Amino acid sequence: MDDLSKLEARVKALMDKADSTEFEEEAETFRAKAIDMISKYGIDEARLRMASGENQDEIVTKMVYVEGSYKREQQRLLGCLLEVMHCAGVDYTDGRGSLVYGTRGAVERATMLFYLVVPQMRKATEAAERPTLDPQSFEAFLGRVMDFDKTPGEKSAETRKFRASFAMGFAMRVGERALEIENRNLDTEREEYGGGAALVLVTDQQRAASKIKEDFADKLVDRKAKEYTHEGLVAGSEAGDRADLGHNGITGGHKELA
């Protein structure tokens, strides 16, 4: 078993422990340790490349497919994790997934983390319900008035919008938490080794982004903004905190293929 396979086995074991415990604090500890392990592996790999004089590792591509509902939000989760792992990517407009660019090791680490987290995201999203209000509150009364004439189809659409917002909030918060861990480890690397590995990783990400522009040129477009609800984003962000790795009228934009 090679080093990357060993890392994947350790990370999966930690994620499994996180999912099996009934104590949320313990689960967060396991998940944070898994992210930290992936982050440190990438930094160590960059230091070894620098020491051997092989700073310019080849930029490779990998197609990552998304499945089920909330594909756009899954693509956003992937995009957040690609940024943390010093990769780049471009989404397909048909929602099939994203084409990932980066060094081979970085791409494998980013997609490994994505495939471990996305089932948690889908499960939490499908189970998400709008917050329950005090039935005696003005907000609850106003909600009953506004819902009075709504058809079942309109109510179903509102639920889908809430859950899409939840998934987006989840993706953004997981990305933030993973970035916090990566930045902390990069700060340690700068203090202990002078920051050479950090520079290698930044350069890797720049080369990946340049390769996307070279390959697609004028085919890249800004993704049409999508509206999300405040309550869904907040609920999803809170769930993203629990996964360890917003606001009223917010819209999300991203690059994709025309």
C-alpha atoms as a PDB file:
ATOM      1  CA  MET A   1       0.000   0.000   0.000  1.00  0.00           C
ATOM      2  CA  ASP A   2       1.485   3.383  -1.036  1.00  0.00           C
ATOM      3  CA  ASP A   3       1.560   6.454   1.222  1.00  0.00           C
ATOM      4  CA  LEU A   4      -1.541   8.044  -0.334  1.00  0.00           C
ATOM      5  CA  SER A   5      -3.545   4.834   0.084  1.00  0.00           C
ATOM      6  CA  LYS A   6      -2.445   4.671   3.716  1.00  0.00           C
ATOM      7  CA  LEU A   7      -3.535   8.279   4.197  1.00  0.00           C
ATOM      8  CA  GLU A   8      -6.930   7.547   2.646  1.00  0.00           C
ATOM      9  CA  ALA A   9      -7.414   4.540   4.919  1.00  0.00           C
ATOM     10  CA  ARG A  10      -6.570   6.600   8.023  1.00  0.00           C
ATOM     11  CA  VAL A  11      -8.811   9.463   6.991  1.00  0.00           C
ATOM     12  CA  LYS A  12     -11.724   7.143   6.218  1.00  0.00           C
ATOM     13  CA  ALA A  13     -11.294   5.447   9.597  1.00  0.00           C
ATOM     14  CA  LEU A  14     -11.487   8.834  11.329  1.00  0.00           C
ATOM     15  CA  MET A  15     -14.574   9.847   9.347  1.00  0.00           C
ATOM     16  CA  ASP A  16     -16.226   6.517  10.190  1.00  0.00           C
ATOM     17  CA  LYS A  17     -15.515   7.113  13.889  1.00  0.00           C
ATOM     18  CA  ALA A  18     -17.019  10.591  13.586  1.00  0.00           C
ATOM     19  CA  ASP A  19     -20.186   9.183  12.052  1.00  0.00           C
ATOM     20  CA  SER A  20     -20.528   6.397  14.616  1.00  0.00           C
ATOM     21  CA  THR A  21     -20.251   8.403  17.836  1.00  0.00           C
ATOM     22  CA  GLU A  22     -23.319   9.962  19.443  1.00  0.00           C
ATOM     23  CA  PHE A  23     -21.240  12.749  21.006  1.00  0.00           C
ATOM     24  CA  GLU A  24     -20.919  15.718  18.653  1.00  0.00           C
ATOM     25  CA  GLU A  25     -17.766  17.132  20.259  1.00  0.00           C
ATOM     26  CA  GLU A  26     -16.029  13.783  19.801  1.00  0.00           C
ATOM     27  CA  ALA A  27     -17.223  13.632  16.179  1.00  0.00           C
ATOM     28  CA  GLU A  28     -15.846  17.108  15.481  1.00  0.00           C
ATOM     29  CA  THR A  29     -12.489  16.076  16.935  1.00  0.00           C
ATOM     30  CA  PHE A  30     -12.280  13.080  14.582  1.00  0.00           C
ATOM     31  CA  ARG A  31     -13.266  15.137  11.527  1.00  0.00           C
ATOM     32  CA  ALA A  32     -10.861  17.962  12.328  1.00  0.00           C
ATOM     33  CA  LYS A  33      -8.051  15.425  12.741  1.00  0.00           C
ATOM     34  CA  ALA A  34      -8.867  13.928   9.328  1.00  0.00           C
ATOM     35  CA  ILE A  35      -8.686  17.338   7.628  1.00  0.00           C
ATOM     36  CA  ASP A  36      -5.496  18.157   9.497  1.00  0.00           C
ATOM     37  CA  MET A  37      -3.925  14.872   8.373  1.00  0.00           C
ATOM     38  CA  ILE A  38      -4.689  15.574   4.699  1.00  0.00           C
ATOM     39  CA  SER A  39      -3.397  19.141   5.005  1.00  0.00           C
ATOM     40  CA  LYS A  40      -0.089  18.155   6.615  1.00  0.00           C
ATOM     41  CA  TYR A  41       0.444  15.385   4.067  1.00  0.00           C
ATOM     42  CA  GLY A  42       0.203  17.925   1.234  1.00  0.00           C
ATOM     43  CA  ILE A  43       2.603  20.353   2.908  1.00  0.00           C
ATOM     44  CA  ASP A  44       5.132  17.585   3.609  1.00  0.00           C
ATOM     45  CA  GLU A  45       4.877  16.456  -0.007  1.00  0.00           C
ATOM     46  CA  ALA A  46       5.577  20.013  -1.200  1.00  0.00           C
ATOM     47  CA  ARG A  47       8.656  20.234   1.047  1.00  0.00           C
ATOM     48  CA  LEU A  48       9.994  16.967  -0.363  1.00  0.00           C
ATOM     49  CA  ARG A  49       9.452  18.212  -3.914  1.00  0.00           C
ATOM     50  CA  MET A  50      11.281  21.436  -3.074  1.00  0.00           C
ATOM     51  CA  ALA A  51      14.207  19.546  -1.502  1.00  0.00           C
ATOM     52  CA  SER A  52      14.546  17.300  -4.558  1.00  0.00           C
ATOM     53  CA  GLY A  53      14.375  20.249  -6.968  1.00  0.00           C
ATOM     54  CA  GLU A  54      11.120  19.015  -8.534  1.00  0.00           C
ATOM     55  CA  ASN A  55       9.047  22.098  -7.711  1.00  0.00           C
ATOM     56  CA  GLN A  56       7.112  22.055 -10.983  1.00  0.00           C
ATOM     57  CA  ASP A  57       5.120  18.846 -10.625  1.00  0.00           C
ATOM     58  CA  GLU A  58       2.919  18.092 -13.635  1.00  0.00           C
ATOM     59  CA  ILE A  59      -0.584  19.591 -13.709  1.00  0.00           C
ATOM     60  CA  VAL A  60      -3.122  16.821 -14.338  1.00  0.00           C
ATOM     61  CA  THR A  61      -6.893  16.765 -14.799  1.00  0.00           C
ATOM     62  CA  LYS A  62      -9.632  14.630 -13.279  1.00  0.00           C
ATOM     63  CA  MET A  63     -13.361  14.619 -13.958  1.00  0.00           C
ATOM     64  CA  VAL A  64     -15.357  14.549 -10.734  1.00  0.00           C
ATOM     65  CA  TYR A  65     -19.015  13.626 -11.169  1.00  0.00           C
ATOM     66  CA  VAL A  66     -21.806  14.623  -8.802  1.00  0.00           C
ATOM     67  CA  GLU A  67     -24.936  12.566  -8.201  1.00  0.00           C
ATOM     68  CA  GLY A  68     -28.420  13.005  -6.823  1.00  0.00           C
ATOM     69  CA  SER A  69     -30.077  16.289  -5.896  1.00  0.00           C
ATOM     70  CA  TYR A  70     -28.443  19.667  -5.265  1.00  0.00           C
ATOM     71  CA  LYS A  71     -25.712  19.122  -7.840  1.00  0.00           C
ATOM     72  CA  ARG A  72     -24.842  22.804  -8.066  1.00  0.00           C
ATOM     73  CA  GLU A  73     -24.279  22.939  -4.320  1.00  0.00           C
ATOM     74  CA  GLN A  74     -22.135  19.793  -4.496  1.00  0.00           C
ATOM     75  CA  GLN A  75     -20.048  21.519  -7.147  1.00  0.00           C
ATOM     76  CA  ARG A  76     -19.652  24.446  -4.758  1.00  0.00           C
ATOM     77  CA  LEU A  77     -18.442  22.108  -2.012  1.00  0.00           C
ATOM     78  CA  LEU A  78     -15.906  20.643  -4.411  1.00  0.00           C
ATOM     79  CA  GLY A  79     -14.811  24.137  -5.461  1.00  0.00           C
ATOM     80  CA  CYS A  80     -14.234  25.145  -1.838  1.00  0.00           C
ATOM     81  CA  LEU A  81     -12.119  22.061  -1.177  1.00  0.00           C
ATOM     82  CA  LEU A  82     -10.144  22.527  -4.396  1.00  0.00           C
ATOM     83  CA  GLU A  83      -9.164  26.007  -3.284  1.00  0.00           C
ATOM     84  CA  VAL A  84      -8.027  24.706   0.101  1.00  0.00           C
ATOM     85  CA  MET A  85      -5.943  21.956  -1.518  1.00  0.00           C
ATOM     86  CA  HIS A  86      -4.325  24.373  -4.024  1.00  0.00           C
ATOM     87  CA  CYS A  87      -6.144  23.094  -7.099  1.00  0.00           C
ATOM     88  CA  ALA A  88      -8.559  24.747  -9.525  1.00  0.00           C
ATOM     89  CA  GLY A  89     -11.664  23.561 -11.321  1.00  0.00           C
ATOM     90  CA  VAL A  90     -14.373  24.421 -13.794  1.00  0.00           C
ATOM     91  CA  ASP A  91     -18.034  23.377 -13.539  1.00  0.00           C
ATOM     92  CA  TYR A  92     -20.114  21.964 -16.361  1.00  0.00           C
ATOM     93  CA  THR A  93     -23.398  23.777 -17.002  1.00  0.00           C
ATOM     94  CA  ASP A  94     -25.358  20.529 -17.280  1.00  0.00           C
ATOM     95  CA  GLY A  95     -24.546  19.732 -13.654  1.00  0.00           C
ATOM     96  CA  ARG A  96     -22.709  16.492 -14.408  1.00  0.00           C
ATOM     97  CA  GLY A  97     -19.745  17.620 -12.306  1.00  0.00           C
ATOM     98  CA  SER A  98     -16.484  19.538 -12.486  1.00  0.00           C
ATOM     99  CA  LEU A  99     -13.166  19.144 -14.251  1.00  0.00           C
ATOM    100  CA  VAL A 100     -10.389  19.416 -11.668  1.00  0.00           C
ATOM    101  CA  TYR A 101      -6.853  20.699 -12.334  1.00  0.00           C
ATOM    102  CA  GLY A 102      -3.833  20.430 -10.066  1.00  0.00           C
ATOM    103  CA  THR A 103      -0.794  18.353  -9.237  1.00  0.00           C
ATOM    104  CA  ARG A 104      -1.596  14.668  -9.009  1.00  0.00           C
ATOM    105  CA  GLY A 105      -1.198  14.540  -5.234  1.00  0.00           C
ATOM    106  CA  ALA A 106      -3.295  17.653  -4.634  1.00  0.00           C
ATOM    107  CA  VAL A 107      -6.100  16.439  -6.902  1.00  0.00           C
ATOM    108  CA  GLU A 108      -6.190  13.068  -5.150  1.00  0.00           C
ATOM    109  CA  ARG A 109      -6.312  14.690  -1.701  1.00  0.00           C
ATOM    110  CA  ALA A 110      -9.042  17.157  -2.674  1.00  0.00           C
ATOM    111  CA  THR A 111     -11.259  14.542  -4.313  1.00  0.00           C
ATOM    112  CA  MET A 112     -10.667  12.095  -1.446  1.00  0.00           C
ATOM    113  CA  LEU A 113     -11.986  14.677   1.003  1.00  0.00           C
ATOM    114  CA  PHE A 114     -14.903  15.583  -1.285  1.00  0.00           C
ATOM    115  CA  TYR A 115     -16.088  11.977  -1.616  1.00  0.00           C
ATOM    116  CA  LEU A 116     -15.925  11.544   2.168  1.00  0.00           C
ATOM    117  CA  VAL A 117     -17.818  14.751   2.993  1.00  0.00           C
ATOM    118  CA  VAL A 118     -20.444  14.885   0.240  1.00  0.00           C
ATOM    119  CA  PRO A 119     -22.497  11.919   1.573  1.00  0.00           C
ATOM    120  CA  GLN A 120     -22.773  13.776   4.896  1.00  0.00           C
ATOM    121  CA  MET A 121     -23.885  16.874   3.018  1.00  0.00           C
ATOM    122  CA  ARG A 122     -26.547  15.027   1.016  1.00  0.00           C
ATOM    123  CA  LYS A 123     -27.854  13.196   4.086  1.00  0.00           C
ATOM    124  CA  ALA A 124     -28.077  16.376   6.169  1.00  0.00           C
ATOM    125  CA  THR A 125     -29.726  18.301   3.321  1.00  0.00           C
ATOM    126  CA  GLU A 126     -32.419  15.715   2.643  1.00  0.00           C
ATOM    127  CA  ALA A 127     -33.280  15.658   6.350  1.00  0.00           C
ATOM    128  CA  ALA A 128     -33.226  19.447   6.780  1.00  0.00           C
ATOM    129  CA  GLU A 129     -36.465  21.133   7.867  1.00  0.00           C
ATOM    130  CA  ARG A 130     -37.229  24.808   8.216  1.00  0.00           C
ATOM    131  CA  PRO A 131     -36.798  26.022  11.810  1.00  0.00           C
ATOM    132  CA  THR A 132     -39.887  25.598  14.000  1.00  0.00           C
ATOM    133  CA  LEU A 133     -41.240  28.909  15.272  1.00  0.00           C
ATOM    134  CA  ASP A 134     -43.081  29.557  18.497  1.00  0.00           C
ATOM    135  CA  PRO A 135     -46.728  29.186  17.385  1.00  0.00           C
ATOM    136  CA  GLN A 136     -47.610  32.247  19.466  1.00  0.00           C
ATOM    137  CA  SER A 137     -44.979  34.471  17.824  1.00  0.00           C
ATOM    138  CA  PHE A 138     -45.724  37.166  15.247  1.00  0.00           C
ATOM    139  CA  GLU A 139     -43.371  35.446  12.765  1.00  0.00           C
ATOM    140  CA  ALA A 140     -45.387  32.224  13.029  1.00  0.00           C
ATOM    141  CA  PHE A 141     -48.662  34.120  12.575  1.00  0.00           C
ATOM    142  CA  LEU A 142     -47.273  35.941   9.543  1.00  0.00           C
ATOM    143  CA  GLY A 143     -46.084  32.627   8.091  1.00  0.00           C
ATOM    144  CA  ARG A 144     -49.569  31.099   8.462  1.00  0.00           C
ATOM    145  CA  VAL A 145     -51.102  34.100   6.692  1.00  0.00           C
ATOM    146  CA  MET A 146     -48.595  33.931   3.824  1.00  0.00           C
ATOM    147  CA  ASP A 147     -49.021  30.160   3.462  1.00  0.00           C
ATOM    148  CA  PHE A 148     -52.829  30.228   3.481  1.00  0.00           C
ATOM    149  CA  ASP A 149     -53.330  30.449  -0.297  1.00  0.00           C
ATOM    150  CA  LYS A 150     -50.238  28.511  -1.365  1.00  0.00           C
ATOM    151  CA  THR A 151     -50.687  25.368  -3.426  1.00  0.00           C
ATOM    152  CA  PRO A 152     -48.908  22.119  -2.500  1.00  0.00           C
ATOM    153  CA  GLY A 153     -46.606  22.733  -5.458  1.00  0.00           C
ATOM    154  CA  GLU A 154     -45.626  26.168  -4.175  1.00  0.00           C
ATOM    155  CA  LYS A 155     -44.955  24.790  -0.689  1.00  0.00           C
ATOM    156  CA  SER A 156     -42.846  22.004  -2.179  1.00  0.00           C
ATOM    157  CA  ALA A 157     -40.833  24.564  -4.171  1.00  0.00           C
ATOM    158  CA  GLU A 158     -40.171  26.508  -0.974  1.00  0.00           C
ATOM    159  CA  THR A 159     -38.881  23.360   0.703  1.00  0.00           C
ATOM    160  CA  ARG A 160     -36.548  22.683  -2.232  1.00  0.00           C
ATOM    161  CA  LYS A 161     -35.263  26.265  -2.082  1.00  0.00           C
ATOM    162  CA  PHE A 162     -34.668  25.999   1.668  1.00  0.00           C
ATOM    163  CA  ARG A 163     -32.758  22.743   1.243  1.00  0.00           C
ATOM    164  CA  ALA A 164     -30.678  24.119  -1.639  1.00  0.00           C
ATOM    165  CA  SER A 165     -29.805  27.057   0.626  1.00  0.00           C
ATOM    166  CA  PHE A 166     -28.993  24.612   3.420  1.00  0.00           C
ATOM    167  CA  ALA A 167     -26.642  22.672   1.109  1.00  0.00           C
ATOM    168  CA  MET A 168     -24.920  25.877  -0.006  1.00  0.00           C
ATOM    169  CA  GLY A 169     -24.459  27.022   3.595  1.00  0.00           C
ATOM    170  CA  PHE A 170     -23.048  23.601   4.467  1.00  0.00           C
ATOM    171  CA  ALA A 171     -20.580  23.706   1.555  1.00  0.00           C
ATOM    172  CA  MET A 172     -19.365  27.199   2.355  1.00  0.00           C
ATOM    173  CA  ARG A 173     -18.861  26.486   6.054  1.00  0.00           C
ATOM    174  CA  VAL A 174     -16.998  23.203   5.477  1.00  0.00           C
ATOM    175  CA  GLY A 175     -14.741  25.084   3.067  1.00  0.00           C
ATOM    176  CA  GLU A 176     -14.103  27.790   5.649  1.00  0.00           C
ATOM    177  CA  ARG A 177     -13.226  25.270   8.347  1.00  0.00           C
ATOM    178  CA  ALA A 178     -10.893  23.326   6.050  1.00  0.00           C
ATOM    179  CA  LEU A 179      -9.199  26.601   5.016  1.00  0.00           C
ATOM    180  CA  GLU A 180      -8.660  27.543   8.670  1.00  0.00           C
ATOM    181  CA  ILE A 181      -6.855  24.240   9.258  1.00  0.00           C
ATOM    182  CA  GLU A 182      -4.770  24.567   6.074  1.00  0.00           C
ATOM    183  CA  ASN A 183      -3.736  28.144   6.890  1.00  0.00           C
ATOM    184  CA  ARG A 184      -2.755  27.169  10.421  1.00  0.00           C
ATOM    185  CA  ASN A 185      -0.524  24.389   9.094  1.00  0.00           C
ATOM    186  CA  LEU A 186       0.998  26.699   6.471  1.00  0.00           C
ATOM    187  CA  ASP A 187       1.788  29.255   9.198  1.00  0.00           C
ATOM    188  CA  THR A 188       3.579  26.518  11.143  1.00  0.00           C
ATOM    189  CA  GLU A 189       5.521  25.519   8.030  1.00  0.00           C
ATOM    190  CA  ARG A 190       6.623  29.135   7.514  1.00  0.00           C
ATOM    191  CA  GLU A 191       7.774  29.423  11.123  1.00  0.00           C
ATOM    192  CA  GLU A 192       9.653  26.116  11.160  1.00  0.00           C
ATOM    193  CA  TYR A 193      10.958  25.830   7.589  1.00  0.00           C
ATOM    194  CA  GLY A 194      10.818  29.312   6.078  1.00  0.00           C
ATOM    195  CA  GLY A 195       7.706  28.976   3.917  1.00  0.00           C
ATOM    196  CA  GLY A 196       9.190  27.270   0.884  1.00  0.00           C
ATOM    197  CA  ALA A 197       6.490  24.609   0.761  1.00  0.00           C
ATOM    198  CA  ALA A 198       3.771  27.248   1.034  1.00  0.00           C
ATOM    199  CA  LEU A 199       5.237  29.008  -2.011  1.00  0.00           C
ATOM    200  CA  VAL A 200       5.334  25.735  -3.956  1.00  0.00           C
ATOM    201  CA  LEU A 201       1.639  25.140  -3.200  1.00  0.00           C
ATOM    202  CA  VAL A 202       0.617  28.679  -4.186  1.00  0.00           C
ATOM    203  CA  THR A 203       2.517  28.286  -7.451  1.00  0.00           C
ATOM    204  CA  ASP A 204       0.801  24.941  -8.079  1.00  0.00           C
ATOM    205  CA  GLN A 205      -2.609  26.598  -7.775  1.00  0.00           C
ATOM    206  CA  GLN A 206      -1.609  29.428 -10.100  1.00  0.00           C
ATOM    207  CA  ARG A 207      -0.366  26.955 -12.702  1.00  0.00           C
ATOM    208  CA  ALA A 208      -3.616  24.982 -12.449  1.00  0.00           C
ATOM    209  CA  ALA A 209      -5.689  28.137 -12.998  1.00  0.00           C
ATOM    210  CA  SER A 210      -3.505  29.138 -15.959  1.00  0.00           C
ATOM    211  CA  LYS A 211      -3.945  25.711 -17.537  1.00  0.00           C
ATOM    212  CA  ILE A 212      -7.745  26.072 -17.319  1.00  0.00           C
ATOM    213  CA  LYS A 213      -7.570  29.412 -19.162  1.00  0.00           C
ATOM    214  CA  GLU A 214      -5.252  27.897 -21.746  1.00  0.00           C
ATOM    215  CA  ASP A 215      -7.497  24.878 -22.347  1.00  0.00           C
ATOM    216  CA  PHE A 216     -10.841  26.685 -22.479  1.00  0.00           C
ATOM    217  CA  ALA A 217      -9.974  30.261 -23.485  1.00  0.00           C
ATOM    218  CA  ASP A 218     -13.263  32.023 -24.345  1.00  0.00           C
ATOM    219  CA  LYS A 219     -15.468  29.089 -23.285  1.00  0.00           C
ATOM    220  CA  LEU A 220     -15.506  30.133 -19.630  1.00  0.00           C
ATOM    221  CA  VAL A 221     -18.462  32.203 -18.465  1.00  0.00           C
ATOM    222  CA  ASP A 222     -19.674  33.571 -15.149  1.00  0.00           C
ATOM    223  CA  ARG A 223     -22.316  31.269 -13.749  1.00  0.00           C
ATOM    224  CA  LYS A 224     -25.782  32.731 -13.475  1.00  0.00           C
ATOM    225  CA  ALA A 225     -26.482  33.741  -9.886  1.00  0.00           C
ATOM    226  CA  LYS A 226     -28.895  31.658  -7.857  1.00  0.00           C
ATOM    227  CA  GLU A 227     -30.898  33.036  -4.955  1.00  0.00           C
ATOM    228  CA  TYR A 228     -30.689  31.422  -1.550  1.00  0.00           C
ATOM    229  CA  THR A 229     -32.653  31.983   1.627  1.00  0.00           C
ATOM    230  CA  HIS A 230     -31.176  33.368   4.831  1.00  0.00           C
ATOM    231  CA  GLU A 231     -32.643  30.665   7.077  1.00  0.00           C
ATOM    232  CA  GLY A 232     -31.408  27.885   4.810  1.00  0.00           C
ATOM    233  CA  LEU A 233     -27.882  29.282   4.604  1.00  0.00           C
ATOM    234  CA  VAL A 234     -27.707  29.678   8.379  1.00  0.00           C
ATOM    235  CA  ALA A 235     -29.022  26.166   9.040  1.00  0.00           C
ATOM    236  CA  GLY A 236     -26.609  24.678   6.508  1.00  0.00           C
ATOM    237  CA  SER A 237     -23.680  26.635   7.936  1.00  0.00           C
ATOM    238  CA  GLU A 238     -24.460  25.282  11.403  1.00  0.00           C
ATOM    239  CA  ALA A 239     -24.533  21.756   9.961  1.00  0.00           C
ATOM    240  CA  GLY A 240     -21.211  22.479   8.238  1.00  0.00           C
ATOM    241  CA  ASP A 241     -19.782  23.378  11.645  1.00  0.00           C
ATOM    242  CA  ARG A 242     -20.922  20.027  12.944  1.00  0.00           C
ATOM    243  CA  ALA A 243     -19.232  18.351   9.973  1.00  0.00           C
ATOM    244  CA  ASP A 244     -16.133  20.243  11.143  1.00  0.00           C
ATOM    245  CA  LEU A 245     -14.407  19.782   8.599  1.00  0.00           C
ATOM    246  CA  GLY A 246     -24.631  34.037   4.191  1.00  0.00           C
ATOM    247  CA  HIS A 247     -27.635  36.254   4.067  1.00  0.00           C
ATOM    248  CA  ASN A 248     -31.148  37.347   3.112  1.00  0.00           C
ATOM    249  CA  GLY A 249     -31.348  37.455  -0.675  1.00  0.00           C
ATOM    250  CA  ILE A 250     -27.768  36.164  -1.097  1.00  0.00           C
ATOM    251  CA  THR A 251     -26.832  34.889  -4.541  1.00  0.00           C
ATOM    252  CA  GLY A 252     -23.956  32.618  -5.498  1.00  0.00           C
ATOM    253  CA  GLY A 253     -21.852  32.861  -8.661  1.00  0.00           C
ATOM    254  CA  HIS A 254     -19.155  30.591 -10.128  1.00  0.00           C
ATOM    255  CA  LYS A 255     -17.194  29.978 -13.305  1.00  0.00           C
ATOM    256  CA  GLU A 256     -18.459  27.281 -15.656  1.00  0.00           C
ATOM    257  CA  LEU A 257     -18.227  26.083 -19.236  1.00  0.00           C
ATOM    258  CA  ALA A 258     -20.437  27.797 -21.763  1.00  0.00           C
END
